[in-house]
């Protein structure tokens, strides 16, 4: 609840708890202000001032593959 009272929320993504696709998806849904039940952190999409910070090597590349 205290998060909503903050003037600015900083999200630090070191890449330990999410894969490369997950990091991108979280960023997309919050930046486009689209809360998504599959992305718990996306509740921050309703906060007016969210800043993202990434550990660059963790972002890597994101590719698709057929299975």
C-alpha atoms as a PDB file:
ATOM      1  CA  UNK A   1       0.000   0.000   0.000  1.00  0.00           C
ATOM      2  CA  UNK A   2       2.874   2.372   0.709  1.00  0.00           C
ATOM      3  CA  UNK A   3       4.001   2.047  -2.922  1.00  0.00           C
ATOM      4  CA  UNK A   4       0.940   3.940  -4.141  1.00  0.00           C
ATOM      5  CA  UNK A   5       1.790   6.883  -1.867  1.00  0.00           C
ATOM      6  CA  UNK A   6       5.261   7.276  -3.406  1.00  0.00           C
ATOM      7  CA  UNK A   7       5.769  10.062  -5.934  1.00  0.00           C
ATOM      8  CA  UNK A   8       7.954   7.760  -8.035  1.00  0.00           C
ATOM      9  CA  UNK A   9       8.366   3.987  -8.175  1.00  0.00           C
ATOM     10  CA  UNK A  10      11.708   2.579  -9.356  1.00  0.00           C
ATOM     11  CA  UNK A  11      11.760  -0.986 -10.657  1.00  0.00           C
ATOM     12  CA  UNK A  12      15.205  -2.589 -10.613  1.00  0.00           C
ATOM     13  CA  UNK A  13      15.462  -5.644 -12.842  1.00  0.00           C
ATOM     14  CA  UNK A  14      18.737  -7.529 -12.248  1.00  0.00           C
ATOM     15  CA  UNK A  15      17.486 -10.529 -14.236  1.00  0.00           C
ATOM     16  CA  UNK A  16      17.658 -13.070 -11.403  1.00  0.00           C
ATOM     17  CA  UNK A  17      13.930 -13.669 -10.900  1.00  0.00           C
ATOM     18  CA  UNK A  18      12.642 -13.412 -14.450  1.00  0.00           C
ATOM     19  CA  UNK A  19      13.742 -14.561 -17.878  1.00  0.00           C
ATOM     20  CA  UNK A  20      14.494 -12.198 -20.779  1.00  0.00           C
ATOM     21  CA  UNK A  21      10.968 -12.435 -22.170  1.00  0.00           C
ATOM     22  CA  UNK A  22       9.417 -11.851 -18.741  1.00  0.00           C
ATOM     23  CA  UNK A  23      11.476  -8.719 -18.175  1.00  0.00           C
ATOM     24  CA  UNK A  24      10.335  -7.311 -21.509  1.00  0.00           C
ATOM     25  CA  UNK A  25       6.723  -8.266 -20.948  1.00  0.00           C
ATOM     26  CA  UNK A  26       6.613  -6.647 -17.507  1.00  0.00           C
ATOM     27  CA  UNK A  27       8.073  -3.457 -18.938  1.00  0.00           C
ATOM     28  CA  UNK A  28       5.631  -3.430 -21.862  1.00  0.00           C
ATOM     29  CA  UNK A  29       2.449  -3.900 -19.848  1.00  0.00           C
ATOM     30  CA  UNK A  30       3.413  -1.275 -17.269  1.00  0.00           C
ATOM     31  CA  UNK A  31       4.607   1.280 -19.824  1.00  0.00           C
ATOM     32  CA  UNK A  32       1.439   0.810 -21.939  1.00  0.00           C
ATOM     33  CA  UNK A  33      -0.676   1.002 -18.758  1.00  0.00           C
ATOM     34  CA  UNK A  34      -2.227  -2.423 -19.328  1.00  0.00           C
ATOM     35  CA  UNK A  35      -2.635  -4.330 -16.040  1.00  0.00           C
ATOM     36  CA  UNK A  36      -2.460  -8.074 -16.765  1.00  0.00           C
ATOM     37  CA  UNK A  37      -3.376 -10.836 -14.313  1.00  0.00           C
ATOM     38  CA  UNK A  38      -0.487 -12.947 -15.681  1.00  0.00           C
ATOM     39  CA  UNK A  39       2.029 -10.240 -14.721  1.00  0.00           C
ATOM     40  CA  UNK A  40       1.599  -9.438 -10.998  1.00  0.00           C
ATOM     41  CA  UNK A  41       3.909  -6.420 -11.126  1.00  0.00           C
ATOM     42  CA  UNK A  42       1.658  -4.925 -13.817  1.00  0.00           C
ATOM     43  CA  UNK A  43      -0.564  -3.542 -11.068  1.00  0.00           C
ATOM     44  CA  UNK A  44       1.949  -0.689 -11.136  1.00  0.00           C
ATOM     45  CA  UNK A  45       0.489   0.251 -14.534  1.00  0.00           C
ATOM     46  CA  UNK A  46      -1.956   2.435 -12.600  1.00  0.00           C
ATOM     47  CA  UNK A  47       0.835   4.362 -10.854  1.00  0.00           C
ATOM     48  CA  UNK A  48       1.530   7.727 -12.544  1.00  0.00           C
ATOM     49  CA  UNK A  49       5.350   7.652 -12.295  1.00  0.00           C
ATOM     50  CA  UNK A  50       7.237   4.367 -12.796  1.00  0.00           C
ATOM     51  CA  UNK A  51      10.931   4.201 -13.744  1.00  0.00           C
ATOM     52  CA  UNK A  52      12.617   1.047 -15.044  1.00  0.00           C
ATOM     53  CA  UNK A  53      16.256   0.133 -14.396  1.00  0.00           C
ATOM     54  CA  UNK A  54      17.881  -2.923 -15.954  1.00  0.00           C
ATOM     55  CA  UNK A  55      21.142  -4.778 -15.522  1.00  0.00           C
ATOM     56  CA  UNK A  56      22.058  -4.764 -19.216  1.00  0.00           C
ATOM     57  CA  UNK A  57      23.665  -8.221 -19.525  1.00  0.00           C
ATOM     58  CA  UNK A  58      20.465  -9.740 -18.104  1.00  0.00           C
ATOM     59  CA  UNK A  59      18.361  -8.391 -20.986  1.00  0.00           C
ATOM     60  CA  UNK A  60      20.290 -10.387 -23.592  1.00  0.00           C
ATOM     61  CA  UNK A  61      18.420 -11.394 -26.710  1.00  0.00           C
ATOM     62  CA  UNK A  62      14.897 -12.679 -27.026  1.00  0.00           C
ATOM     63  CA  UNK A  63      14.131 -15.133 -29.828  1.00  0.00           C
ATOM     64  CA  UNK A  64      11.317 -17.517 -30.685  1.00  0.00           C
ATOM     65  CA  UNK A  65      11.634 -21.164 -31.579  1.00  0.00           C
ATOM     66  CA  UNK A  66       9.293 -23.810 -32.905  1.00  0.00           C
ATOM     67  CA  UNK A  67       8.571 -26.820 -30.701  1.00  0.00           C
END
